[in-house]
Amino acid sequence: QQLIENVKEQFGVSIKTIGAIGFS
């Protein structure tokens, strides 16, 4: 949530899809 808020603040868009995800 912190990341998507960071994206909205910088670029004014929401994240609906992503090319790939990885967890560590």
PDB file of all heavy atoms in Angstrom:
ATOM      1  N   GLN A   1       0.824  -1.205   0.000  1.00  0.00           N
ATOM      2  CA  GLN A   1       0.000   0.000   0.000  1.00  0.00           C
ATOM      3  C   GLN A   1       0.859   1.255   0.000  1.00  0.00           C
ATOM      4  O   GLN A   1       0.547   2.242  -0.683  1.00  0.00           O
ATOM      5  CB  GLN A   1      -0.938   0.007   1.213  1.00  0.00           C
ATOM      6  CG  GLN A   1      -2.061  -1.001   1.137  1.00  0.00           C
ATOM      7  CD  GLN A   1      -2.963  -0.781  -0.067  1.00  0.00           C
ATOM      8  OE1 GLN A   1      -3.437   0.321  -0.308  1.00  0.00           O
ATOM      9  NE2 GLN A   1      -3.197  -1.832  -0.843  1.00  0.00           N
ATOM     10  N   GLN A   2       1.945   1.231   0.757  1.00  0.00           N
ATOM     11  CA  GLN A   2       2.867   2.376   0.756  1.00  0.00           C
ATOM     12  C   GLN A   2       3.427   2.604  -0.634  1.00  0.00           C
ATOM     13  O   GLN A   2       3.592   3.732  -1.094  1.00  0.00           O
ATOM     14  CB  GLN A   2       4.011   2.130   1.750  1.00  0.00           C
ATOM     15  CG  GLN A   2       3.609   2.005   3.201  1.00  0.00           C
ATOM     16  CD  GLN A   2       3.157   3.316   3.809  1.00  0.00           C
ATOM     17  OE1 GLN A   2       3.543   4.374   3.361  1.00  0.00           O
ATOM     18  NE2 GLN A   2       2.314   3.243   4.836  1.00  0.00           N
ATOM     19  N   LEU A   3       3.730   1.495  -1.335  1.00  0.00           N
ATOM     20  CA  LEU A   3       4.280   1.611  -2.680  1.00  0.00           C
ATOM     21  C   LEU A   3       3.260   2.207  -3.651  1.00  0.00           C
ATOM     22  O   LEU A   3       3.591   3.112  -4.426  1.00  0.00           O
ATOM     23  CB  LEU A   3       4.738   0.240  -3.179  1.00  0.00           C
ATOM     24  CG  LEU A   3       5.337   0.208  -4.595  1.00  0.00           C
ATOM     25  CD1 LEU A   3       6.578  -0.681  -4.648  1.00  0.00           C
ATOM     26  CD2 LEU A   3       4.315  -0.300  -5.612  1.00  0.00           C
ATOM     27  N   ILE A   4       2.019   1.704  -3.626  1.00  0.00           N
ATOM     28  CA  ILE A   4       1.041   2.223  -4.592  1.00  0.00           C
ATOM     29  C   ILE A   4       0.683   3.682  -4.280  1.00  0.00           C
ATOM     30  O   ILE A   4       0.386   4.458  -5.197  1.00  0.00           O
ATOM     31  CB  ILE A   4      -0.226   1.339  -4.669  1.00  0.00           C
ATOM     32  CG1 ILE A   4      -0.949   1.243  -3.326  1.00  0.00           C
ATOM     33  CG2 ILE A   4       0.120  -0.039  -5.177  1.00  0.00           C
ATOM     34  CD1 ILE A   4      -2.242   0.431  -3.404  1.00  0.00           C
ATOM     35  N   GLU A   5       0.745   4.065  -3.013  1.00  0.00           N
ATOM     36  CA  GLU A   5       0.530   5.465  -2.670  1.00  0.00           C
ATOM     37  C   GLU A   5       1.683   6.316  -3.195  1.00  0.00           C
ATOM     38  O   GLU A   5       1.469   7.450  -3.665  1.00  0.00           O
ATOM     39  CB  GLU A   5       0.389   5.624  -1.155  1.00  0.00           C
ATOM     40  CG  GLU A   5      -0.934   5.083  -0.616  1.00  0.00           C
ATOM     41  CD  GLU A   5      -0.998   5.074   0.905  1.00  0.00           C
ATOM     42  OE1 GLU A   5      -0.113   5.730   1.525  1.00  0.00           O
ATOM     43  OE2 GLU A   5      -1.895   4.430   1.471  1.00  0.00           O
ATOM     44  N   ASN A   6       2.897   5.776  -3.118  1.00  0.00           N
ATOM     45  CA  ASN A   6       4.065   6.457  -3.654  1.00  0.00           C
ATOM     46  C   ASN A   6       3.925   6.663  -5.170  1.00  0.00           C
ATOM     47  O   ASN A   6       4.266   7.714  -5.716  1.00  0.00           O
ATOM     48  CB  ASN A   6       5.325   5.657  -3.332  1.00  0.00           C
ATOM     49  CG  ASN A   6       6.614   6.365  -3.720  1.00  0.00           C
ATOM     50  OD1 ASN A   6       7.530   5.740  -4.242  1.00  0.00           O
ATOM     51  ND2 ASN A   6       6.709   7.653  -3.467  1.00  0.00           N
ATOM     52  N   VAL A   7       3.415   5.636  -5.851  1.00  0.00           N
ATOM     53  CA  VAL A   7       3.187   5.728  -7.295  1.00  0.00           C
ATOM     54  C   VAL A   7       2.138   6.795  -7.614  1.00  0.00           C
ATOM     55  O   VAL A   7       2.317   7.609  -8.530  1.00  0.00           O
ATOM     56  CB  VAL A   7       2.752   4.357  -7.871  1.00  0.00           C
ATOM     57  CG1 VAL A   7       2.218   4.502  -9.290  1.00  0.00           C
ATOM     58  CG2 VAL A   7       3.921   3.384  -7.844  1.00  0.00           C
ATOM     59  N   LYS A   8       1.048   6.816  -6.851  1.00  0.00           N
ATOM     60  CA  LYS A   8      -0.018   7.796  -7.095  1.00  0.00           C
ATOM     61  C   LYS A   8       0.480   9.216  -6.857  1.00  0.00           C
ATOM     62  O   LYS A   8       0.152  10.144  -7.618  1.00  0.00           O
ATOM     63  CB  LYS A   8      -1.215   7.493  -6.187  1.00  0.00           C
ATOM     64  CG  LYS A   8      -1.999   6.258  -6.597  1.00  0.00           C
ATOM     65  CD  LYS A   8      -3.142   5.985  -5.624  1.00  0.00           C
ATOM     66  CE  LYS A   8      -3.914   4.729  -6.033  1.00  0.00           C
ATOM     67  NZ  LYS A   8      -4.993   4.402  -5.058  1.00  0.00           N
ATOM     68  N   GLU A   9       1.293   9.407  -5.816  1.00  0.00           N
ATOM     69  CA  GLU A   9       1.821  10.742  -5.514  1.00  0.00           C
ATOM     70  C   GLU A   9       2.735  11.240  -6.630  1.00  0.00           C
ATOM     71  O   GLU A   9       2.701  12.409  -7.008  1.00  0.00           O
ATOM     72  CB  GLU A   9       2.589  10.709  -4.192  1.00  0.00           C
ATOM     73  CG  GLU A   9       1.716  10.559  -2.961  1.00  0.00           C
ATOM     74  CD  GLU A   9       2.529  10.367  -1.700  1.00  0.00           C
ATOM     75  OE1 GLU A   9       3.782  10.448  -1.785  1.00  0.00           O
ATOM     76  OE2 GLU A   9       1.932  10.135  -0.633  1.00  0.00           O
ATOM     77  N   GLN A  10       3.578  10.326  -7.151  1.00  0.00           N
ATOM     78  CA  GLN A  10       4.544  10.729  -8.164  1.00  0.00           C
ATOM     79  C   GLN A  10       3.941  10.855  -9.553  1.00  0.00           C
ATOM     80  O   GLN A  10       4.265  11.791 -10.300  1.00  0.00           O
ATOM     81  CB  GLN A  10       5.682   9.705  -8.235  1.00  0.00           C
ATOM     82  CG  GLN A  10       6.619   9.674  -7.059  1.00  0.00           C
ATOM     83  CD  GLN A  10       7.798   8.776  -7.356  1.00  0.00           C
ATOM     84  OE1 GLN A  10       8.753   9.167  -8.032  1.00  0.00           O
ATOM     85  NE2 GLN A  10       7.739   7.545  -6.873  1.00  0.00           N
ATOM     86  N   PHE A  11       3.071   9.890  -9.918  1.00  0.00           N
ATOM     87  CA  PHE A  11       2.651   9.785 -11.313  1.00  0.00           C
ATOM     88  C   PHE A  11       1.142   9.868 -11.521  1.00  0.00           C
ATOM     89  O   PHE A  11       0.675   9.905 -12.653  1.00  0.00           O
ATOM     90  CB  PHE A  11       3.182   8.478 -11.916  1.00  0.00           C
ATOM     91  CG  PHE A  11       4.653   8.267 -11.665  1.00  0.00           C
ATOM     92  CD1 PHE A  11       5.086   7.283 -10.775  1.00  0.00           C
ATOM     93  CD2 PHE A  11       5.601   9.061 -12.290  1.00  0.00           C
ATOM     94  CE1 PHE A  11       6.432   7.094 -10.532  1.00  0.00           C
ATOM     95  CE2 PHE A  11       6.948   8.887 -12.048  1.00  0.00           C
ATOM     96  CZ  PHE A  11       7.377   7.906 -11.166  1.00  0.00           C
ATOM     97  N   GLY A  12       0.384   9.897 -10.420  1.00  0.00           N
ATOM     98  CA  GLY A  12      -1.054  10.069 -10.537  1.00  0.00           C
ATOM     99  C   GLY A  12      -1.796   8.903 -11.142  1.00  0.00           C
ATOM    100  O   GLY A  12      -2.883   9.077 -11.720  1.00  0.00           O
ATOM    101  N   VAL A  13      -1.245   7.690 -11.047  1.00  0.00           N
ATOM    102  CA  VAL A  13      -1.893   6.505 -11.610  1.00  0.00           C
ATOM    103  C   VAL A  13      -1.953   5.387 -10.571  1.00  0.00           C
ATOM    104  O   VAL A  13      -1.203   5.385  -9.595  1.00  0.00           O
ATOM    105  CB  VAL A  13      -1.157   5.988 -12.866  1.00  0.00           C
ATOM    106  CG1 VAL A  13      -1.251   7.015 -13.987  1.00  0.00           C
ATOM    107  CG2 VAL A  13       0.285   5.655 -12.554  1.00  0.00           C
ATOM    108  N   SER A  14      -2.851   4.447 -10.822  1.00  0.00           N
ATOM    109  CA  SER A  14      -2.975   3.267  -9.974  1.00  0.00           C
ATOM    110  C   SER A  14      -2.295   2.084 -10.646  1.00  0.00           C
ATOM    111  O   SER A  14      -2.191   2.021 -11.871  1.00  0.00           O
ATOM    112  CB  SER A  14      -4.449   2.935  -9.727  1.00  0.00           C
ATOM    113  OG  SER A  14      -5.100   3.994  -9.059  1.00  0.00           O
ATOM    114  N   ILE A  15      -1.850   1.139  -9.838  1.00  0.00           N
ATOM    115  CA  ILE A  15      -1.261  -0.096 -10.367  1.00  0.00           C
ATOM    116  C   ILE A  15      -2.351  -1.143 -10.479  1.00  0.00           C
ATOM    117  O   ILE A  15      -2.951  -1.537  -9.477  1.00  0.00           O
ATOM    118  CB  ILE A  15      -0.132  -0.614  -9.450  1.00  0.00           C
ATOM    119  CG1 ILE A  15       1.005   0.407  -9.365  1.00  0.00           C
ATOM    120  CG2 ILE A  15       0.401  -1.947  -9.965  1.00  0.00           C
ATOM    121  CD1 ILE A  15       2.100   0.013  -8.391  1.00  0.00           C
ATOM    122  N   LYS A  16      -2.602  -1.583 -11.716  1.00  0.00           N
ATOM    123  CA  LYS A  16      -3.602  -2.620 -11.922  1.00  0.00           C
ATOM    124  C   LYS A  16      -2.960  -3.938 -12.363  1.00  0.00           C
ATOM    125  O   LYS A  16      -3.466  -5.013 -12.075  1.00  0.00           O
ATOM    126  CB  LYS A  16      -4.635  -2.167 -12.951  1.00  0.00           C
ATOM    127  CG  LYS A  16      -5.422  -0.932 -12.520  1.00  0.00           C
ATOM    128  CD  LYS A  16      -6.543  -0.628 -13.472  1.00  0.00           C
ATOM    129  CE  LYS A  16      -7.257   0.670 -13.124  1.00  0.00           C
ATOM    130  NZ  LYS A  16      -7.728   0.746 -11.732  1.00  0.00           N
ATOM    131  N   THR A  17      -1.850  -3.845 -13.051  1.00  0.00           N
ATOM    132  CA  THR A  17      -1.118  -5.046 -13.451  1.00  0.00           C
ATOM    133  C   THR A  17       0.369  -4.742 -13.466  1.00  0.00           C
ATOM    134  O   THR A  17       0.785  -3.578 -13.491  1.00  0.00           O
ATOM    135  CB  THR A  17      -1.584  -5.555 -14.832  1.00  0.00           C
ATOM    136  OG1 THR A  17      -0.976  -6.831 -15.086  1.00  0.00           O
ATOM    137  CG2 THR A  17      -1.208  -4.593 -15.943  1.00  0.00           C
ATOM    138  N   ILE A  18       1.151  -5.811 -13.448  1.00  0.00           N
ATOM    139  CA  ILE A  18       2.612  -5.712 -13.346  1.00  0.00           C
ATOM    140  C   ILE A  18       3.195  -6.790 -14.247  1.00  0.00           C
ATOM    141  O   ILE A  18       2.588  -7.863 -14.426  1.00  0.00           O
ATOM    142  CB  ILE A  18       3.079  -5.928 -11.878  1.00  0.00           C
ATOM    143  CG1 ILE A  18       2.433  -4.885 -10.950  1.00  0.00           C
ATOM    144  CG2 ILE A  18       4.595  -5.859 -11.757  1.00  0.00           C
ATOM    145  CD1 ILE A  18       2.614  -5.178  -9.472  1.00  0.00           C
ATOM    146  N   GLY A  19       4.372  -6.521 -14.811  1.00  0.00           N
ATOM    147  CA  GLY A  19       4.991  -7.508 -15.693  1.00  0.00           C
ATOM    148  C   GLY A  19       5.386  -8.784 -14.983  1.00  0.00           C
ATOM    149  O   GLY A  19       5.245  -9.888 -15.522  1.00  0.00           O
ATOM    150  N   ALA A  20       5.871  -8.654 -13.761  1.00  0.00           N
ATOM    151  CA  ALA A  20       6.283  -9.818 -12.965  1.00  0.00           C
ATOM    152  C   ALA A  20       6.416  -9.387 -11.514  1.00  0.00           C
ATOM    153  O   ALA A  20       6.600  -8.203 -11.211  1.00  0.00           O
ATOM    154  CB  ALA A  20       7.593 -10.404 -13.466  1.00  0.00           C
ATOM    155  N   ILE A  21       6.328 -10.362 -10.627  1.00  0.00           N
ATOM    156  CA  ILE A  21       6.474 -10.130  -9.185  1.00  0.00           C
ATOM    157  C   ILE A  21       7.447 -11.164  -8.634  1.00  0.00           C
ATOM    158  O   ILE A  21       7.487 -12.312  -9.095  1.00  0.00           O
ATOM    159  CB  ILE A  21       5.122 -10.253  -8.447  1.00  0.00           C
ATOM    160  CG1 ILE A  21       4.113  -9.236  -8.994  1.00  0.00           C
ATOM    161  CG2 ILE A  21       5.296 -10.051  -6.943  1.00  0.00           C
ATOM    162  CD1 ILE A  21       2.714  -9.381  -8.382  1.00  0.00           C
ATOM    163  N   GLY A  22       8.220 -10.749  -7.640  1.00  0.00           N
ATOM    164  CA  GLY A  22       9.096 -11.690  -6.950  1.00  0.00           C
ATOM    165  C   GLY A  22       9.080 -11.437  -5.453  1.00  0.00           C
ATOM    166  O   GLY A  22       8.991 -10.290  -5.010  1.00  0.00           O
ATOM    167  N   PHE A  23       9.151 -12.515  -4.683  1.00  0.00           N
ATOM    168  CA  PHE A  23       9.180 -12.410  -3.227  1.00  0.00           C
ATOM    169  C   PHE A  23      10.462 -13.023  -2.679  1.00  0.00           C
ATOM    170  O   PHE A  23      10.915 -14.073  -3.138  1.00  0.00           O
ATOM    171  CB  PHE A  23       7.974 -13.112  -2.596  1.00  0.00           C
ATOM    172  CG  PHE A  23       6.696 -12.376  -2.807  1.00  0.00           C
ATOM    173  CD1 PHE A  23       5.864 -12.701  -3.862  1.00  0.00           C
ATOM    174  CD2 PHE A  23       6.335 -11.324  -1.979  1.00  0.00           C
ATOM    175  CE1 PHE A  23       4.686 -12.011  -4.086  1.00  0.00           C
ATOM    176  CE2 PHE A  23       5.159 -10.629  -2.191  1.00  0.00           C
ATOM    177  CZ  PHE A  23       4.331 -10.964  -3.245  1.00  0.00           C
ATOM    178  N   SER A  24      11.019 -12.348  -1.710  1.00  0.00           N
ATOM    179  CA  SER A  24      12.224 -12.809  -1.032  1.00  0.00           C
ATOM    180  C   SER A  24      12.027 -12.615   0.462  1.00  0.00           C
ATOM    181  O   SER A  24      11.180 -11.837   0.892  1.00  0.00           O
ATOM    182  CB  SER A  24      13.437 -12.000  -1.526  1.00  0.00           C
ATOM    183  OG  SER A  24      14.588 -12.293  -0.765  1.00  0.00           O
TER     184      SER A  24
END
